[in-house]
């Protein structure tokens, strides 16, 4: 792979059992990933934003 086609990974938050991270894809679209023990959920940007809104409502 050339330097322009590699993923750029950024850890957003991490605990002992969970993590959320962002990947900047080669096509310049960001994807978001939520790892919950042995399950990983993948989101496109719009889905991630909706998930964050859901999570905010859960903690109110």
PDB file of N, CA and C in Angstrom:
ATOM      1  N   UNK A   1       0.833  -1.186   0.000  1.00  0.00           N
ATOM      2  CA  UNK A   1       0.000   0.000   0.000  1.00  0.00           C
ATOM      3  C   UNK A   1       0.871   1.240   0.000  1.00  0.00           C
ATOM      4  N   UNK A   2       0.451   2.239  -0.725  1.00  0.00           N
ATOM      5  CA  UNK A   2       1.185   3.483  -0.669  1.00  0.00           C
ATOM      6  C   UNK A   2       0.707   4.305   0.528  1.00  0.00           C
ATOM      7  N   UNK A   3       1.394   5.360   0.873  1.00  0.00           N
ATOM      8  CA  UNK A   3       1.088   6.163   2.045  1.00  0.00           C
ATOM      9  C   UNK A   3      -0.289   6.796   2.019  1.00  0.00           C
ATOM     10  N   UNK A   4      -0.881   6.991   0.844  1.00  0.00           N
ATOM     11  CA  UNK A   4      -2.187   7.626   0.747  1.00  0.00           C
ATOM     12  C   UNK A   4      -3.339   6.655   0.938  1.00  0.00           C
ATOM     13  N   UNK A   5      -3.077   5.345   0.935  1.00  0.00           N
ATOM     14  CA  UNK A   5      -4.169   4.384   1.025  1.00  0.00           C
ATOM     15  C   UNK A   5      -4.220   3.677   2.377  1.00  0.00           C
ATOM     16  N   UNK A   6      -3.444   4.130   3.340  1.00  0.00           N
ATOM     17  CA  UNK A   6      -3.458   3.499   4.653  1.00  0.00           C
ATOM     18  C   UNK A   6      -4.497   4.143   5.556  1.00  0.00           C
ATOM     19  N   UNK A   7      -5.033   3.323   6.462  1.00  0.00           N
ATOM     20  CA  UNK A   7      -5.972   3.830   7.457  1.00  0.00           C
ATOM     21  C   UNK A   7      -5.234   4.667   8.492  1.00  0.00           C
ATOM     22  N   UNK A   8      -5.890   5.698   8.950  1.00  0.00           N
ATOM     23  CA  UNK A   8      -5.375   6.485  10.068  1.00  0.00           C
ATOM     24  C   UNK A   8      -6.316   6.217  11.231  1.00  0.00           C
ATOM     25  N   UNK A   9      -5.813   5.564  12.272  1.00  0.00           N
ATOM     26  CA  UNK A   9      -6.611   5.140  13.410  1.00  0.00           C
ATOM     27  C   UNK A   9      -6.393   6.088  14.579  1.00  0.00           C
ATOM     28  N   UNK A  10      -7.500   6.470  15.239  1.00  0.00           N
ATOM     29  CA  UNK A  10      -7.423   7.323  16.412  1.00  0.00           C
ATOM     30  C   UNK A  10      -8.301   6.714  17.503  1.00  0.00           C
ATOM     31  N   UNK A  11      -7.709   6.401  18.656  1.00  0.00           N
ATOM     32  CA  UNK A  11      -8.490   5.899  19.782  1.00  0.00           C
ATOM     33  C   UNK A  11      -9.232   7.070  20.406  1.00  0.00           C
ATOM     34  N   UNK A  12     -10.549   6.941  20.537  1.00  0.00           N
ATOM     35  CA  UNK A  12     -11.364   8.004  21.110  1.00  0.00           C
ATOM     36  C   UNK A  12     -11.463   7.866  22.623  1.00  0.00           C
ATOM     37  N   UNK A  13     -11.668   6.632  23.100  1.00  0.00           N
ATOM     38  CA  UNK A  13     -11.741   6.352  24.539  1.00  0.00           C
ATOM     39  C   UNK A  13     -11.535   4.859  24.752  1.00  0.00           C
ATOM     40  N   UNK A  14     -11.002   4.515  25.928  1.00  0.00           N
ATOM     41  CA  UNK A  14     -10.669   3.120  26.172  1.00  0.00           C
ATOM     42  C   UNK A  14     -10.766   2.825  27.666  1.00  0.00           C
ATOM     43  N   UNK A  15     -11.362   1.675  28.000  1.00  0.00           N
ATOM     44  CA  UNK A  15     -11.364   1.172  29.372  1.00  0.00           C
ATOM     45  C   UNK A  15     -10.766  -0.227  29.328  1.00  0.00           C
ATOM     46  N   UNK A  16     -10.830  -0.941  30.444  1.00  0.00           N
ATOM     47  CA  UNK A  16     -10.288  -2.305  30.464  1.00  0.00           C
ATOM     48  C   UNK A  16     -11.009  -3.235  29.489  1.00  0.00           C
ATOM     49  N   UNK A  17     -12.316  -3.024  29.298  1.00  0.00           N
ATOM     50  CA  UNK A  17     -13.109  -3.950  28.483  1.00  0.00           C
ATOM     51  C   UNK A  17     -13.711  -3.350  27.221  1.00  0.00           C
ATOM     52  N   UNK A  18     -13.700  -2.033  27.102  1.00  0.00           N
ATOM     53  CA  UNK A  18     -14.372  -1.384  25.989  1.00  0.00           C
ATOM     54  C   UNK A  18     -13.467  -0.349  25.336  1.00  0.00           C
ATOM     55  N   UNK A  19     -13.718  -0.095  24.062  1.00  0.00           N
ATOM     56  CA  UNK A  19     -12.996   0.991  23.394  1.00  0.00           C
ATOM     57  C   UNK A  19     -13.821   1.507  22.225  1.00  0.00           C
ATOM     58  N   UNK A  20     -13.567   2.754  21.909  1.00  0.00           N
ATOM     59  CA  UNK A  20     -14.163   3.382  20.735  1.00  0.00           C
ATOM     60  C   UNK A  20     -13.019   4.011  19.963  1.00  0.00           C
ATOM     61  N   UNK A  21     -13.008   3.792  18.653  1.00  0.00           N
ATOM     62  CA  UNK A  21     -11.942   4.343  17.821  1.00  0.00           C
ATOM     63  C   UNK A  21     -12.482   4.768  16.476  1.00  0.00           C
ATOM     64  N   UNK A  22     -11.744   5.680  15.859  1.00  0.00           N
ATOM     65  CA  UNK A  22     -12.100   6.248  14.568  1.00  0.00           C
ATOM     66  C   UNK A  22     -11.051   5.847  13.546  1.00  0.00           C
ATOM     67  N   UNK A  23     -11.510   5.495  12.362  1.00  0.00           N
ATOM     68  CA  UNK A  23     -10.599   5.200  11.253  1.00  0.00           C
ATOM     69  C   UNK A  23     -10.908   6.151  10.110  1.00  0.00           C
ATOM     70  N   UNK A  24      -9.901   6.874   9.675  1.00  0.00           N
ATOM     71  CA  UNK A  24     -10.039   7.706   8.482  1.00  0.00           C
ATOM     72  C   UNK A  24      -9.682   6.832   7.293  1.00  0.00           C
ATOM     73  N   UNK A  25     -10.687   6.501   6.510  1.00  0.00           N
ATOM     74  CA  UNK A  25     -10.536   5.578   5.385  1.00  0.00           C
ATOM     75  C   UNK A  25      -9.790   6.235   4.229  1.00  0.00           C
ATOM     76  N   UNK A  26      -9.205   5.428   3.338  1.00  0.00           N
ATOM     77  CA  UNK A  26      -8.496   5.980   2.178  1.00  0.00           C
ATOM     78  C   UNK A  26      -9.380   6.870   1.291  1.00  0.00           C
ATOM     79  N   UNK A  27     -10.703   6.617   1.282  1.00  0.00           N
ATOM     80  CA  UNK A  27     -11.607   7.449   0.478  1.00  0.00           C
ATOM     81  C   UNK A  27     -12.040   8.705   1.228  1.00  0.00           C
ATOM     82  N   UNK A  28     -11.351   9.004   2.335  1.00  0.00           N
ATOM     83  CA  UNK A  28     -11.555  10.195   3.151  1.00  0.00           C
ATOM     84  C   UNK A  28     -12.845  10.183   3.959  1.00  0.00           C
ATOM     85  N   UNK A  29     -13.506   9.026   4.049  1.00  0.00           N
ATOM     86  CA  UNK A  29     -14.683   8.903   4.903  1.00  0.00           C
ATOM     87  C   UNK A  29     -14.243   8.348   6.249  1.00  0.00           C
ATOM     88  N   UNK A  30     -14.739   8.928   7.317  1.00  0.00           N
ATOM     89  CA  UNK A  30     -14.425   8.431   8.656  1.00  0.00           C
ATOM     90  C   UNK A  30     -15.423   7.345   9.033  1.00  0.00           C
ATOM     91  N   UNK A  31     -14.917   6.287   9.652  1.00  0.00           N
ATOM     92  CA  UNK A  31     -15.784   5.268  10.230  1.00  0.00           C
ATOM     93  C   UNK A  31     -15.450   5.175  11.709  1.00  0.00           C
ATOM     94  N   UNK A  32     -16.430   4.732  12.481  1.00  0.00           N
ATOM     95  CA  UNK A  32     -16.287   4.656  13.932  1.00  0.00           C
ATOM     96  C   UNK A  32     -16.555   3.225  14.362  1.00  0.00           C
ATOM     97  N   UNK A  33     -15.840   2.796  15.394  1.00  0.00           N
ATOM     98  CA  UNK A  33     -15.882   1.406  15.818  1.00  0.00           C
ATOM     99  C   UNK A  33     -15.990   1.360  17.326  1.00  0.00           C
ATOM    100  N   UNK A  34     -16.955   0.580  17.809  1.00  0.00           N
ATOM    101  CA  UNK A  34     -17.195   0.426  19.227  1.00  0.00           C
ATOM    102  C   UNK A  34     -16.933  -1.031  19.571  1.00  0.00           C
ATOM    103  N   UNK A  35     -15.909  -1.292  20.379  1.00  0.00           N
ATOM    104  CA  UNK A  35     -15.550  -2.654  20.772  1.00  0.00           C
ATOM    105  C   UNK A  35     -16.056  -2.905  22.180  1.00  0.00           C
ATOM    106  N   UNK A  36     -16.931  -3.896  22.311  1.00  0.00           N
ATOM    107  CA  UNK A  36     -17.507  -4.281  23.588  1.00  0.00           C
ATOM    108  C   UNK A  36     -17.125  -5.736  23.842  1.00  0.00           C
ATOM    109  N   UNK A  37     -16.047  -5.944  24.588  1.00  0.00           N
ATOM    110  CA  UNK A  37     -15.464  -7.264  24.783  1.00  0.00           C
ATOM    111  C   UNK A  37     -15.177  -7.898  23.429  1.00  0.00           C
ATOM    112  N   UNK A  38     -15.898  -8.957  23.050  1.00  0.00           N
ATOM    113  CA  UNK A  38     -15.593  -9.649  21.792  1.00  0.00           C
ATOM    114  C   UNK A  38     -16.523  -9.251  20.644  1.00  0.00           C
ATOM    115  N   UNK A  39     -17.265  -8.159  20.799  1.00  0.00           N
ATOM    116  CA  UNK A  39     -18.171  -7.673  19.758  1.00  0.00           C
ATOM    117  C   UNK A  39     -17.699  -6.293  19.294  1.00  0.00           C
ATOM    118  N   UNK A  40     -17.630  -6.107  17.995  1.00  0.00           N
ATOM    119  CA  UNK A  40     -17.297  -4.797  17.443  1.00  0.00           C
ATOM    120  C   UNK A  40     -18.450  -4.330  16.571  1.00  0.00           C
ATOM    121  N   UNK A  41     -18.898  -3.097  16.813  1.00  0.00           N
ATOM    122  CA  UNK A  41     -19.962  -2.493  16.017  1.00  0.00           C
ATOM    123  C   UNK A  41     -19.326  -1.387  15.181  1.00  0.00           C
ATOM    124  N   UNK A  42     -19.605  -1.399  13.889  1.00  0.00           N
ATOM    125  CA  UNK A  42     -19.027  -0.442  12.959  1.00  0.00           C
ATOM    126  C   UNK A  42     -20.092   0.576  12.546  1.00  0.00           C
ATOM    127  N   UNK A  43     -19.721   1.852  12.505  1.00  0.00           N
ATOM    128  CA  UNK A  43     -20.642   2.939  12.172  1.00  0.00           C
ATOM    129  C   UNK A  43     -20.030   3.829  11.093  1.00  0.00           C
ATOM    130  N   UNK A  44     -20.880   4.303  10.187  1.00  0.00           N
ATOM    131  CA  UNK A  44     -20.500   5.431   9.358  1.00  0.00           C
ATOM    132  C   UNK A  44     -20.787   6.688  10.176  1.00  0.00           C
ATOM    133  N   UNK A  45     -20.293   7.825   9.740  1.00  0.00           N
ATOM    134  CA  UNK A  45     -20.384   9.065  10.519  1.00  0.00           C
ATOM    135  C   UNK A  45     -21.813   9.383  10.962  1.00  0.00           C
ATOM    136  N   UNK A  46     -22.769   9.312  10.059  1.00  0.00           N
ATOM    137  CA  UNK A  46     -24.159   9.646  10.399  1.00  0.00           C
ATOM    138  C   UNK A  46     -24.705   8.673  11.438  1.00  0.00           C
ATOM    139  N   UNK A  47     -24.379   7.406  11.315  1.00  0.00           N
ATOM    140  CA  UNK A  47     -24.829   6.402  12.282  1.00  0.00           C
ATOM    141  C   UNK A  47     -24.192   6.646  13.643  1.00  0.00           C
ATOM    142  N   UNK A  48     -22.906   7.005  13.661  1.00  0.00           N
ATOM    143  CA  UNK A  48     -22.197   7.283  14.903  1.00  0.00           C
ATOM    144  C   UNK A  48     -22.833   8.465  15.630  1.00  0.00           C
ATOM    145  N   UNK A  49     -23.144   9.519  14.891  1.00  0.00           N
ATOM    146  CA  UNK A  49     -23.768  10.692  15.496  1.00  0.00           C
ATOM    147  C   UNK A  49     -25.125  10.344  16.095  1.00  0.00           C
ATOM    148  N   UNK A  50     -25.890   9.506  15.415  1.00  0.00           N
ATOM    149  CA  UNK A  50     -27.179   9.070  15.947  1.00  0.00           C
ATOM    150  C   UNK A  50     -26.984   8.206  17.192  1.00  0.00           C
ATOM    151  N   UNK A  51     -25.991   7.333  17.176  1.00  0.00           N
ATOM    152  CA  UNK A  51     -25.689   6.506  18.345  1.00  0.00           C
ATOM    153  C   UNK A  51     -25.305   7.379  19.541  1.00  0.00           C
ATOM    154  N   UNK A  52     -24.480   8.402  19.324  1.00  0.00           N
ATOM    155  CA  UNK A  52     -24.088   9.298  20.413  1.00  0.00           C
ATOM    156  C   UNK A  52     -25.300  10.013  20.998  1.00  0.00           C
ATOM    157  N   UNK A  53     -26.230  10.416  20.156  1.00  0.00           N
ATOM    158  CA  UNK A  53     -27.460  11.051  20.642  1.00  0.00           C
ATOM    159  C   UNK A  53     -28.257  10.062  21.491  1.00  0.00           C
ATOM    160  N   UNK A  54     -28.333   8.830  21.066  1.00  0.00           N
ATOM    161  CA  UNK A  54     -29.013   7.793  21.838  1.00  0.00           C
ATOM    162  C   UNK A  54     -28.346   7.597  23.196  1.00  0.00           C
ATOM    163  N   UNK A  55     -27.029   7.531  23.203  1.00  0.00           N
ATOM    164  CA  UNK A  55     -26.284   7.340  24.448  1.00  0.00           C
ATOM    165  C   UNK A  55     -26.501   8.520  25.396  1.00  0.00           C
ATOM    166  N   UNK A  56     -26.532   9.742  24.881  1.00  0.00           N
ATOM    167  CA  UNK A  56     -26.785  10.925  25.716  1.00  0.00           C
ATOM    168  C   UNK A  56     -28.154  10.838  26.366  1.00  0.00           C
ATOM    169  N   UNK A  57     -29.149  10.359  25.608  1.00  0.00           N
ATOM    170  CA  UNK A  57     -30.497  10.237  26.152  1.00  0.00           C
ATOM    171  C   UNK A  57     -30.567   9.153  27.224  1.00  0.00           C
ATOM    172  N   UNK A  58     -29.761   8.132  27.111  1.00  0.00           N
ATOM    173  CA  UNK A  58     -29.746   7.061  28.098  1.00  0.00           C
ATOM    174  C   UNK A  58     -29.255   7.528  29.463  1.00  0.00           C
ATOM    175  N   UNK A  59     -28.342   8.472  29.489  1.00  0.00           N
ATOM    176  CA  UNK A  59     -27.749   8.907  30.754  1.00  0.00           C
ATOM    177  C   UNK A  59     -28.479  10.094  31.373  1.00  0.00           C
ATOM    178  N   UNK A  60     -29.501  10.608  30.738  1.00  0.00           N
ATOM    179  CA  UNK A  60     -30.279  11.724  31.305  1.00  0.00           C
ATOM    180  C   UNK A  60     -31.131  11.255  32.445  1.00  0.00           C
TER     181      UNK A  60
END
